[in-house]
Amino acid sequence: MTTVDYLKGFGITLTEARDFILANINTPSVILQTSAEYGVTNRMLAEIYGGVSLQEVINFFDQAGLNSRVLDLVVSNVEIFSHQDLDLNTDSIQPLNSTNINALASGDYWSNNTLTYSFNTSFPEYYYSALSSSYLSTGPQGGWQELSLAAQMAVKDVLQDTSNLTLLSFSEVASTQGDINFNTLTFSGSTDGFAYYPSVSPIGGEVFLNNVYQTTDDYKAGGTALNTLAHELGHALGLKHSFEKPNSLASNFENSDYSIMSYTDVREVIPIFDYNPSTLGINVVYSQDALRDAFSLLDVAALQAIYGVNTTYATEDNTYSLSFADKKYLTIWDAGGTDTINVSNTKGNSHIDLRAGQHSSVDIRDIDQQIADTLTWLDDQQAPDFSDWIHDVYNDNADSIYTGQNNLSIAFGVWIENVLTGSGNDIVRDNAVNNVINTGSGNDIIQLYDGGYDIVNGGDGIDTVYVDESSSAVNYVQSNNGYTLLGENFAAEIVGVETLVFNDNVSIMLS
């Protein structure tokens, strides 16, 4: 709305408003009070008067000992930046032809979204000719076995997770009759499974898992069996390896942070120490129990690009939590509602990015911190000095050990509105909708870069808000409990924040 149109709503012309200013030019308080009553901003005053800048208007009132910044902070002006979207962030949904999604797309897909699956109870005759002889060399029928009940339950869970993401639906049918049929074989070496892309051939979509995995514990979260199951299901739905040419993922994306179809697993190992106080001996087992056990950020986007987006899943007001102790990776698919990331019980540092398609790191324990924690654990048991060995255990495997880095991802298309962090020194970046950001204790950084009308509570500690606008473009005024900020593209209420920093490197200490 232009200034002319705004004034017209009160039956006032631009000329009449300018005449009022000229008549009261020697009594700035009258101009300020009247402007406040009518909701006229400093920018409007500059336009009404003509030939002056916004800063010159503010300086005019400053010289009279008046703070005209309050004109830009009335509720009606602040709330023009309010942006609530309780549905999907459709602008961030990735198309099939986007670079990273195309890198996972095999080109072979199911022609409809209503799929059947089965758990084979016998070895189909066509497997003899369809399977490579190398897979059949490990014993009669390649050691074929039907899936255990624990494995079948894991399959059903992963299929349900896939339906939650996409428009795919799965129904169980009799042995060998499914679009996707699940089997187990005996494998040698590092191979744990394989699967075929969708096709009209009988072998199309068949999945073969390792028959060494039988129990619920084998299929536990973060374990190899569940990781392999999700990977092979990806193939059966048409995803290729992320490193395969043509159109492989760029090196900075080609790892498990972005795709479970990668062979480059990162930060999946948990060192488990055993100290015997009787013998004063110590050993370590490297447990690979922090693997991704569900589709990663780009996998979700690729499956949705191929089979459509489930817009009805998790449309309530949902809360998501995670901590270092969970030793897991979580990708959030949430189709609506007012949603919250609550990691307020964590003690490690967290870096939370509320934008869709981004990674966050919750409750980080870097290698140095884990070394310190392990040495403290040994000291509590009055163990001998194992510090050199402990340092070697961690530093020699630093790239593989779980730290909490990139353990939380927000899928493309998802709005998360609110976040609560814990007692670490946290970093939170907002998104384009209204966010409520509470950073608890610790010396925290809050980045208000993407617009909206945000509410920030820095809590205890020395906290800093960064805004992506210059100091001359942002008006701020002290309110009852903190400050109200109004920029060119955002507004915010901030409490418990000690420093405000602008993108021109100007910083202000807040009382």
Protein backbone atom coordinates (compact mmCIF):
# COMPACT_ATOMS: atom_id res chain seq x y z
CA MET A 1 0.00 0.00 0.00
CA THR A 2 1.36 3.40 -0.94
CA THR A 3 1.50 6.33 1.47
CA VAL A 4 -1.15 8.11 -0.60
CA ASP A 5 -3.51 5.14 -0.35
CA TYR A 6 -2.81 4.77 3.36
CA LEU A 7 -3.67 8.40 4.07
CA LYS A 8 -6.73 8.16 1.84
CA GLY A 9 -8.12 5.61 4.28
CA PHE A 10 -8.34 8.45 6.82
CA GLY A 11 -9.72 10.95 4.31
CA ILE A 12 -6.40 12.83 4.24
CA THR A 13 -4.52 13.89 1.13
CA LEU A 14 -0.75 13.97 0.83
CA THR A 15 -0.86 17.78 0.56
CA GLU A 16 -2.93 18.08 3.75
CA ALA A 17 -0.46 15.85 5.60
CA ARG A 18 2.50 17.91 4.35
CA ASP A 19 0.78 21.15 5.40
CA PHE A 20 0.29 19.69 8.89
CA ILE A 21 3.99 18.89 9.19
CA LEU A 22 5.01 22.37 8.00
CA ALA A 23 2.59 24.01 10.44
CA ASN A 24 4.12 22.09 13.35
CA ILE A 25 7.73 21.92 12.22
CA ASN A 26 8.87 23.71 15.38
CA THR A 27 6.96 21.33 17.66
CA PRO A 28 8.27 17.87 16.70
CA SER A 29 6.44 16.26 19.61
CA VAL A 30 3.08 17.13 18.01
CA ILE A 31 4.16 15.56 14.71
CA LEU A 32 5.40 12.46 16.52
CA GLN A 33 2.28 12.04 18.63
CA THR A 34 -0.08 12.53 15.67
CA SER A 35 1.93 10.18 13.49
CA ALA A 36 1.74 7.52 16.19
CA GLU A 37 -2.02 7.93 16.49
CA TYR A 38 -2.47 7.40 12.75
CA GLY A 39 0.17 4.65 12.40
CA VAL A 40 2.32 6.79 10.10
CA THR A 41 5.91 5.49 9.87
CA ASN A 42 9.19 7.33 9.45
CA ARG A 43 9.34 6.29 5.81
CA MET A 44 5.85 7.74 5.24
CA LEU A 45 6.92 10.99 6.90
CA ALA A 46 9.93 11.20 4.57
CA GLU A 47 7.64 10.75 1.57
CA ILE A 48 5.04 13.19 2.86
CA TYR A 49 7.60 15.93 3.57
CA GLY A 50 9.49 15.21 0.36
CA GLY A 51 13.17 15.48 -0.48
CA VAL A 52 14.46 13.92 2.74
CA SER A 53 15.70 10.44 3.63
CA LEU A 54 14.45 8.08 6.28
CA GLN A 55 17.56 8.72 8.37
CA GLU A 56 17.06 12.47 8.14
CA VAL A 57 13.55 12.09 9.56
CA ILE A 58 14.89 10.04 12.46
CA ASN A 59 17.68 12.59 13.04
CA PHE A 60 15.11 15.40 13.09
CA PHE A 61 13.34 13.82 16.03
CA ASP A 62 16.60 12.75 17.70
CA GLN A 63 17.73 16.38 17.79
CA ALA A 64 14.54 17.19 19.66
CA GLY A 65 15.21 14.41 22.17
CA LEU A 66 12.46 12.23 20.72
CA ASN A 67 12.62 8.61 19.59
CA SER A 68 10.67 8.34 16.35
CA ARG A 69 11.67 4.69 15.94
CA VAL A 70 8.54 3.81 17.87
CA LEU A 71 6.56 4.82 14.78
CA ASP A 72 7.95 1.81 12.95
CA LEU A 73 7.26 -0.57 15.80
CA VAL A 74 3.52 -0.30 16.21
CA VAL A 75 1.81 -3.67 16.09
CA SER A 76 0.30 -3.09 12.67
CA ASN A 77 3.75 -2.49 11.17
CA VAL A 78 5.44 -5.37 12.94
CA GLU A 79 2.77 -7.85 11.96
CA ILE A 80 2.98 -7.08 8.25
CA PHE A 81 5.93 -9.49 8.28
CA SER A 82 3.95 -12.23 9.98
CA HIS A 83 4.05 -15.39 7.87
CA GLN A 84 2.31 -18.54 8.98
CA ASP A 85 2.07 -21.58 6.74
CA LEU A 86 0.53 -24.64 8.35
CA ASP A 87 0.81 -26.68 5.17
CA LEU A 88 3.80 -27.63 3.03
CA ASN A 89 6.62 -25.41 1.88
CA THR A 90 5.88 -26.29 -1.74
CA ASP A 91 8.55 -23.94 -3.11
CA SER A 92 11.28 -26.16 -1.69
CA ILE A 93 9.95 -29.51 -3.01
CA GLN A 94 12.58 -30.89 -5.38
CA PRO A 95 11.67 -31.87 -8.97
CA LEU A 96 12.95 -35.08 -10.51
CA ASN A 97 15.19 -33.19 -12.93
CA SER A 98 17.05 -31.26 -10.22
CA THR A 99 20.73 -32.14 -10.09
CA ASN A 100 20.86 -34.00 -6.78
CA ILE A 101 17.59 -35.86 -7.29
CA ASN A 102 18.50 -36.92 -10.80
CA ALA A 103 21.72 -38.35 -9.37
CA LEU A 104 19.68 -40.91 -7.41
CA ALA A 105 17.11 -41.70 -10.10
CA SER A 106 17.73 -44.94 -12.00
CA GLY A 107 15.04 -44.24 -14.60
CA ASP A 108 13.28 -47.52 -13.74
CA TYR A 109 10.14 -46.98 -11.64
CA TRP A 110 6.85 -48.66 -10.86
CA SER A 111 4.10 -47.43 -13.15
CA ASN A 112 1.55 -47.08 -10.36
CA ASN A 113 1.62 -46.23 -6.68
CA THR A 114 -0.36 -49.22 -5.42
CA LEU A 115 2.23 -51.94 -4.88
CA THR A 116 2.11 -55.45 -3.48
CA TYR A 117 4.83 -57.31 -1.62
CA SER A 118 5.38 -60.82 -0.32
CA PHE A 119 7.75 -62.81 1.84
CA ASN A 120 8.71 -65.75 -0.31
CA THR A 121 8.22 -69.12 1.36
CA SER A 122 10.01 -71.08 -1.35
CA PHE A 123 12.73 -70.57 -3.93
CA PRO A 124 11.07 -69.58 -7.23
CA GLU A 125 12.17 -71.57 -10.26
CA TYR A 126 13.03 -68.44 -12.24
CA TYR A 127 15.68 -67.49 -9.70
CA TYR A 128 17.94 -70.22 -11.09
CA SER A 129 18.27 -68.40 -14.37
CA ALA A 130 17.77 -64.83 -13.17
CA LEU A 131 20.30 -64.78 -10.32
CA SER A 132 24.01 -64.52 -10.92
CA SER A 133 25.84 -67.81 -10.41
CA SER A 134 28.01 -66.10 -7.81
CA TYR A 135 24.98 -65.65 -5.58
CA LEU A 136 24.07 -69.33 -5.95
CA SER A 137 27.57 -70.62 -5.21
CA THR A 138 27.32 -70.27 -1.43
CA GLY A 139 25.24 -73.43 -1.08
CA PRO A 140 22.06 -75.06 -2.36
CA GLN A 141 19.91 -72.25 -3.76
CA GLY A 142 22.49 -69.80 -2.46
CA GLY A 143 21.52 -70.60 1.12
CA TRP A 144 18.05 -69.23 0.44
CA GLN A 145 15.76 -68.86 3.48
CA GLU A 146 12.48 -67.14 4.05
CA LEU A 147 12.58 -64.08 6.25
CA SER A 148 12.25 -64.53 9.99
CA LEU A 149 9.29 -62.93 11.75
CA ALA A 150 11.61 -60.23 13.12
CA ALA A 151 12.84 -59.45 9.61
CA GLN A 152 9.28 -59.36 8.28
CA MET A 153 8.27 -56.87 10.96
CA ALA A 154 11.24 -54.69 10.04
CA VAL A 155 10.22 -54.79 6.37
CA LYS A 156 6.67 -53.75 7.22
CA ASP A 157 7.95 -50.84 9.31
CA VAL A 158 10.19 -49.58 6.50
CA LEU A 159 7.36 -49.91 3.96
CA GLN A 160 5.07 -47.94 6.27
CA ASP A 161 7.74 -45.26 6.65
CA THR A 162 7.94 -45.07 2.86
CA SER A 163 4.15 -44.66 2.60
CA ASN A 164 4.36 -41.85 5.15
CA LEU A 165 6.71 -39.99 2.81
CA THR A 166 5.10 -40.69 -0.56
CA LEU A 167 1.86 -41.63 -2.29
CA LEU A 168 2.97 -45.27 -2.41
CA SER A 169 0.83 -47.89 -0.68
CA PHE A 170 1.86 -51.48 0.00
CA SER A 171 -0.29 -54.54 0.59
CA GLU A 172 0.92 -58.04 1.40
CA VAL A 173 0.09 -60.93 -0.94
CA ALA A 174 0.99 -64.62 -1.20
CA SER A 175 4.55 -65.85 -1.70
CA THR A 176 6.13 -64.89 -5.07
CA GLN A 177 3.04 -62.87 -6.07
CA GLY A 178 4.22 -59.42 -5.04
CA ASP A 179 5.59 -56.59 -7.10
CA ILE A 180 8.37 -56.73 -4.51
CA ASN A 181 9.28 -60.14 -3.03
CA PHE A 182 11.63 -60.43 -0.06
CA ASN A 183 14.17 -63.23 0.41
CA THR A 184 17.38 -63.99 2.27
CA LEU A 185 20.56 -65.63 0.99
CA THR A 186 23.98 -66.54 2.32
CA PHE A 187 26.52 -63.84 1.46
CA SER A 188 30.29 -63.78 1.62
CA GLY A 189 32.63 -60.86 2.04
CA SER A 190 31.21 -57.39 2.68
CA THR A 191 27.98 -57.93 0.70
CA ASP A 192 24.87 -57.87 2.86
CA GLY A 193 22.14 -57.71 0.23
CA PHE A 194 21.07 -56.73 -3.25
CA ALA A 195 17.89 -55.86 -5.09
CA TYR A 196 16.59 -55.34 -8.62
CA TYR A 197 15.11 -52.18 -10.07
CA PRO A 198 11.38 -52.15 -10.92
CA SER A 199 10.50 -53.89 -14.15
CA VAL A 200 7.86 -56.12 -15.73
CA SER A 201 10.33 -59.03 -15.55
CA PRO A 202 9.62 -61.51 -12.73
CA ILE A 203 12.95 -60.57 -11.11
CA GLY A 204 12.07 -56.87 -11.11
CA GLY A 205 11.83 -55.46 -7.59
CA GLU A 206 13.10 -58.64 -5.87
CA VAL A 207 15.00 -57.99 -2.61
CA PHE A 208 17.63 -60.31 -1.13
CA LEU A 209 18.88 -59.78 2.43
CA ASN A 210 21.52 -61.59 4.48
CA ASN A 211 20.14 -64.67 6.25
CA VAL A 212 22.55 -64.14 9.12
CA TYR A 213 20.18 -61.45 10.41
CA GLN A 214 17.23 -63.16 12.09
CA THR A 215 16.33 -61.51 15.39
CA THR A 216 14.77 -58.29 16.59
CA ASP A 217 18.15 -57.31 17.98
CA ASP A 218 19.70 -57.86 14.54
CA TYR A 219 17.16 -55.42 13.12
CA LYS A 220 17.62 -52.81 15.86
CA ALA A 221 17.70 -49.11 15.03
CA GLY A 222 21.08 -47.99 13.74
CA GLY A 223 22.23 -51.52 12.93
CA THR A 224 23.58 -53.01 9.72
CA ALA A 225 20.50 -55.11 8.95
CA LEU A 226 18.06 -52.21 9.00
CA ASN A 227 20.47 -49.99 7.09
CA THR A 228 20.79 -52.66 4.38
CA LEU A 229 17.03 -53.20 4.24
CA ALA A 230 16.34 -49.51 3.61
CA HIS A 231 19.14 -49.35 1.03
CA GLU A 232 17.87 -52.38 -0.90
CA LEU A 233 14.27 -51.17 -0.77
CA GLY A 234 15.56 -47.96 -2.34
CA HIS A 235 16.82 -50.02 -5.28
CA ALA A 236 13.52 -51.93 -5.52
CA LEU A 237 11.75 -48.56 -5.82
CA GLY A 238 14.10 -47.23 -8.47
CA LEU A 239 16.92 -45.45 -6.63
CA LYS A 240 20.47 -46.05 -7.83
CA HIS A 241 23.75 -45.78 -5.97
CA SER A 242 24.63 -42.15 -5.43
CA PHE A 243 28.15 -42.65 -6.81
CA GLU A 244 27.14 -44.39 -10.03
CA LYS A 245 27.57 -42.56 -13.30
CA PRO A 246 26.15 -40.87 -15.15
CA ASN A 247 24.78 -38.12 -12.92
CA SER A 248 26.49 -39.15 -9.71
CA LEU A 249 26.23 -36.93 -6.66
CA ALA A 250 28.92 -34.29 -6.23
CA SER A 251 31.60 -35.30 -3.74
CA ASN A 252 30.30 -33.01 -1.00
CA PHE A 253 26.91 -34.77 -1.16
CA GLU A 254 28.11 -38.30 -1.83
CA ASN A 255 27.83 -39.74 1.67
CA SER A 256 25.22 -41.14 4.05
CA ASP A 257 24.36 -37.69 5.43
CA TYR A 258 22.54 -37.13 2.16
CA SER A 259 21.72 -40.60 0.85
CA ILE A 260 21.43 -44.10 2.23
CA MET A 261 22.24 -45.19 -1.33
CA SER A 262 25.85 -44.09 -0.78
CA TYR A 263 28.58 -46.51 0.23
CA THR A 264 30.33 -43.73 2.14
CA ASP A 265 29.04 -44.05 5.68
CA VAL A 266 30.04 -41.20 7.97
CA ARG A 267 30.09 -41.09 11.77
CA GLU A 268 28.44 -44.50 12.22
CA VAL A 269 30.79 -46.08 14.79
CA ILE A 270 30.37 -46.16 18.57
CA PRO A 271 33.48 -47.16 20.55
CA ILE A 272 32.45 -49.33 23.51
CA PHE A 273 35.07 -49.65 26.23
CA ASP A 274 35.38 -52.44 28.77
CA TYR A 275 37.60 -51.86 31.80
CA ASN A 276 38.33 -54.67 34.24
CA PRO A 277 39.34 -53.27 37.64
CA SER A 278 40.57 -56.69 38.76
CA THR A 279 43.09 -57.16 35.97
CA LEU A 280 43.49 -53.44 35.20
CA GLY A 281 42.92 -54.37 31.58
CA ILE A 282 40.97 -52.41 29.02
CA ASN A 283 39.70 -53.09 25.51
CA VAL A 284 37.43 -51.47 22.99
CA VAL A 285 34.87 -52.80 20.54
CA TYR A 286 33.92 -50.65 17.56
CA SER A 287 30.17 -51.03 17.20
CA GLN A 288 28.69 -49.98 13.87
CA ASP A 289 25.35 -49.20 15.48
CA ALA A 290 24.92 -45.56 14.46
CA LEU A 291 24.14 -46.23 10.82
CA ARG A 292 21.25 -44.50 9.11
CA ASP A 293 18.31 -46.88 9.21
CA ALA A 294 15.88 -44.85 7.10
CA PHE A 295 15.97 -42.76 3.95
CA SER A 296 18.20 -39.71 4.14
CA LEU A 297 17.50 -36.16 3.00
CA LEU A 298 17.98 -36.64 -0.75
CA ASP A 299 16.42 -40.12 -0.76
CA VAL A 300 13.20 -38.69 0.63
CA ALA A 301 13.21 -35.95 -2.00
CA ALA A 302 13.91 -38.43 -4.80
CA LEU A 303 11.16 -40.88 -3.79
CA GLN A 304 8.70 -37.99 -3.51
CA ALA A 305 9.72 -36.68 -6.92
CA ILE A 306 9.07 -40.12 -8.42
CA TYR A 307 5.97 -41.24 -6.53
CA GLY A 308 4.42 -38.04 -5.21
CA VAL A 309 4.30 -36.31 -1.84
CA ASN A 310 2.22 -37.51 1.10
CA THR A 311 0.51 -34.29 2.18
CA THR A 312 -1.58 -35.88 4.94
CA TYR A 313 1.15 -37.33 7.17
CA ALA A 314 1.96 -35.60 10.47
CA THR A 315 -0.33 -32.60 9.94
CA GLU A 316 -0.91 -32.13 13.66
CA ASP A 317 1.20 -29.99 16.00
CA ASN A 318 4.17 -32.33 16.45
CA THR A 319 7.31 -32.23 18.59
CA TYR A 320 10.63 -33.81 17.62
CA SER A 321 13.43 -34.58 20.07
CA LEU A 322 16.93 -35.99 19.81
CA SER A 323 20.06 -36.28 21.93
CA PHE A 324 23.59 -37.61 21.66
CA ALA A 325 22.61 -40.61 23.78
CA ASP A 326 20.17 -41.72 21.07
CA LYS A 327 23.06 -42.33 18.64
CA LYS A 328 20.68 -41.93 15.72
CA TYR A 329 19.94 -39.88 12.62
CA LEU A 330 16.51 -38.38 12.08
CA THR A 331 15.01 -36.91 8.92
CA ILE A 332 11.76 -35.05 9.63
CA TRP A 333 8.88 -35.35 7.19
CA ASP A 334 5.97 -33.30 8.51
CA ALA A 335 3.19 -32.11 6.21
CA GLY A 336 1.60 -29.44 8.41
CA GLY A 337 0.69 -28.05 11.80
CA THR A 338 2.72 -25.90 14.16
CA ASP A 339 5.75 -28.03 14.94
CA THR A 340 8.60 -27.90 17.42
CA ILE A 341 12.11 -29.22 17.74
CA ASN A 342 12.58 -29.70 21.49
CA VAL A 343 16.13 -30.53 22.56
CA SER A 344 15.92 -28.59 25.80
CA ASN A 345 17.24 -31.53 27.84
CA THR A 346 20.58 -31.60 26.00
CA LYS A 347 23.88 -30.40 27.45
CA GLY A 348 26.06 -30.43 24.35
CA ASN A 349 26.11 -27.67 21.76
CA SER A 350 23.40 -27.78 19.11
CA HIS A 351 23.32 -26.11 15.70
CA ILE A 352 19.70 -25.96 14.52
CA ASP A 353 18.81 -24.80 11.02
CA LEU A 354 15.04 -24.50 10.60
CA ARG A 355 15.17 -24.27 6.82
CA ALA A 356 13.87 -27.14 4.71
CA GLY A 357 16.52 -29.29 3.06
CA GLN A 358 19.16 -28.52 5.68
CA HIS A 359 21.06 -30.56 8.26
CA SER A 360 21.25 -29.73 11.96
CA SER A 361 23.52 -31.09 14.67
CA VAL A 362 21.95 -31.82 18.05
CA ASP A 363 23.81 -32.30 21.34
CA ILE A 364 27.25 -32.48 19.72
CA ARG A 365 30.02 -34.40 21.44
CA ASP A 366 33.10 -33.87 19.35
CA ILE A 367 36.11 -36.16 19.52
CA ASP A 368 37.88 -34.08 22.18
CA GLN A 369 34.79 -34.10 24.38
CA GLN A 370 34.37 -37.85 24.02
CA ILE A 371 38.03 -38.36 24.94
CA ALA A 372 37.54 -36.21 28.04
CA ASP A 373 34.35 -38.07 29.01
CA THR A 374 36.05 -41.46 28.62
CA LEU A 375 39.06 -40.38 30.70
CA THR A 376 36.73 -39.10 33.42
CA TRP A 377 34.91 -42.46 33.39
CA LEU A 378 38.24 -44.24 33.88
CA ASP A 379 39.34 -41.82 36.62
CA ASP A 380 36.13 -42.52 38.49
CA GLN A 381 37.18 -46.17 38.56
CA GLN A 382 40.75 -45.26 39.64
CA ALA A 383 42.11 -46.88 36.49
CA PRO A 384 45.75 -46.55 35.39
CA ASP A 385 46.69 -43.86 32.91
CA PHE A 386 45.31 -44.97 29.53
CA SER A 387 45.19 -41.45 28.10
CA ASP A 388 47.57 -42.04 25.17
CA TRP A 389 45.69 -45.16 24.12
CA ILE A 390 42.30 -43.47 24.51
CA HIS A 391 43.49 -40.58 22.35
CA ASP A 392 44.62 -43.04 19.68
CA VAL A 393 41.28 -44.91 19.73
CA TYR A 394 39.34 -41.75 19.01
CA ASN A 395 41.75 -39.85 16.79
CA ASP A 396 42.55 -42.83 14.57
CA ASN A 397 38.82 -43.24 13.89
CA ALA A 398 37.72 -39.62 14.08
CA ASP A 399 35.92 -39.62 10.72
CA SER A 400 33.88 -42.71 11.64
CA ILE A 401 32.85 -42.04 15.24
CA TYR A 402 29.36 -40.74 15.94
CA THR A 403 29.46 -37.16 17.26
CA GLY A 404 25.95 -35.87 16.64
CA GLN A 405 27.05 -33.91 13.58
CA ASN A 406 24.26 -33.70 10.97
CA ASN A 407 22.06 -36.04 13.03
CA LEU A 408 18.87 -34.09 12.32
CA SER A 409 17.56 -33.11 8.89
CA ILE A 410 14.42 -31.27 7.82
CA ALA A 411 13.11 -32.66 4.54
CA PHE A 412 12.43 -30.41 1.58
CA GLY A 413 8.90 -29.05 1.82
CA VAL A 414 8.71 -29.00 5.62
CA TRP A 415 8.06 -26.00 7.85
CA ILE A 416 9.23 -26.32 11.47
CA GLU A 417 8.07 -23.31 13.42
CA ASN A 418 9.56 -23.54 16.89
CA VAL A 419 12.72 -24.67 18.64
CA LEU A 420 13.87 -25.11 22.23
CA THR A 421 17.56 -25.81 22.87
CA GLY A 422 19.42 -26.90 25.99
CA SER A 423 22.32 -25.73 28.12
CA GLY A 424 25.03 -25.80 25.44
CA ASN A 425 26.33 -22.91 23.39
CA ASP A 426 23.78 -23.22 20.61
CA ILE A 427 23.29 -21.70 17.16
CA VAL A 428 19.78 -21.40 15.73
CA ARG A 429 18.87 -20.12 12.27
CA ASP A 430 15.29 -19.15 11.53
CA ASN A 431 13.21 -19.84 8.43
CA ALA A 432 10.73 -17.71 6.48
CA VAL A 433 7.69 -18.32 8.71
CA ASN A 434 7.07 -17.07 12.22
CA ASN A 435 9.42 -18.83 14.63
CA VAL A 436 9.43 -19.09 18.41
CA ILE A 437 13.05 -19.64 19.44
CA ASN A 438 14.05 -20.42 23.03
CA THR A 439 17.75 -21.14 23.50
CA GLY A 440 17.90 -21.99 27.21
CA SER A 441 21.16 -21.42 29.04
CA GLY A 442 24.54 -21.15 27.38
CA ASN A 443 26.08 -18.47 25.21
CA ASP A 444 23.83 -18.76 22.19
CA ILE A 445 23.66 -17.29 18.69
CA ILE A 446 20.32 -16.70 16.98
CA GLN A 447 20.38 -15.87 13.27
CA LEU A 448 17.31 -14.02 12.00
CA TYR A 449 18.02 -14.18 8.29
CA ASP A 450 14.88 -15.37 6.52
CA GLY A 451 12.03 -13.05 7.49
CA GLY A 452 8.81 -13.64 9.35
CA TYR A 453 7.82 -12.32 12.76
CA ASP A 454 10.00 -14.20 15.25
CA ILE A 455 9.83 -14.41 19.03
CA VAL A 456 13.24 -15.00 20.61
CA ASN A 457 14.11 -15.78 24.22
CA GLY A 458 17.85 -16.14 24.72
CA GLY A 459 17.47 -17.41 28.28
CA ASP A 460 20.52 -17.41 30.54
CA GLY A 461 24.03 -16.83 29.29
CA ILE A 462 25.45 -14.22 26.93
CA ASP A 463 23.31 -14.39 23.82
CA THR A 464 23.60 -12.67 20.46
CA VAL A 465 21.07 -12.06 17.72
CA TYR A 466 22.37 -11.58 14.17
CA VAL A 467 20.14 -9.95 11.55
CA ASP A 468 20.78 -9.92 7.83
CA GLU A 469 20.10 -6.22 7.39
CA SER A 470 22.18 -3.11 7.95
CA SER A 471 22.01 -1.07 11.13
CA SER A 472 20.39 1.81 9.23
CA ALA A 473 17.59 -0.45 7.97
CA VAL A 474 16.52 -1.86 11.33
CA ASN A 475 14.55 0.07 13.91
CA TYR A 476 14.51 -1.19 17.46
CA VAL A 477 12.87 -0.01 20.62
CA GLN A 478 12.82 -1.29 24.17
CA SER A 479 9.60 -3.04 25.11
CA ASN A 480 8.31 -4.35 28.43
CA ASN A 481 10.63 -7.35 28.63
CA GLY A 482 13.14 -6.83 25.84
CA TYR A 483 13.24 -5.23 22.42
CA THR A 484 11.07 -5.04 19.33
CA LEU A 485 12.94 -5.08 16.02
CA LEU A 486 11.56 -3.96 12.67
CA GLY A 487 13.62 -4.27 9.52
CA GLU A 488 12.87 -4.05 5.84
CA ASN A 489 12.06 -7.76 5.58
CA PHE A 490 11.48 -9.03 9.11
CA ALA A 491 10.23 -8.23 12.59
CA ALA A 492 11.09 -9.79 15.93
CA GLU A 493 10.50 -9.62 19.66
CA ILE A 494 13.67 -10.48 21.56
CA VAL A 495 14.12 -11.15 25.28
CA GLY A 496 17.20 -12.25 27.20
CA VAL A 497 19.56 -11.16 24.43
CA GLU A 498 22.66 -9.14 25.23
CA THR A 499 23.99 -8.17 21.79
CA LEU A 500 22.43 -7.28 18.45
CA VAL A 501 24.65 -7.54 15.36
CA PHE A 502 23.82 -6.22 11.87
CA ASN A 503 25.21 -7.31 8.52
CA ASP A 504 27.32 -4.14 8.25
CA ASN A 505 29.25 -5.38 11.31
CA VAL A 506 27.68 -2.79 13.60
CA SER A 507 26.88 -4.29 17.00
CA ILE A 508 24.79 -2.89 19.82
CA MET A 509 24.90 -3.92 23.46
CA LEU A 510 21.36 -4.27 24.78
CA SER A 511 20.58 -3.41 28.39
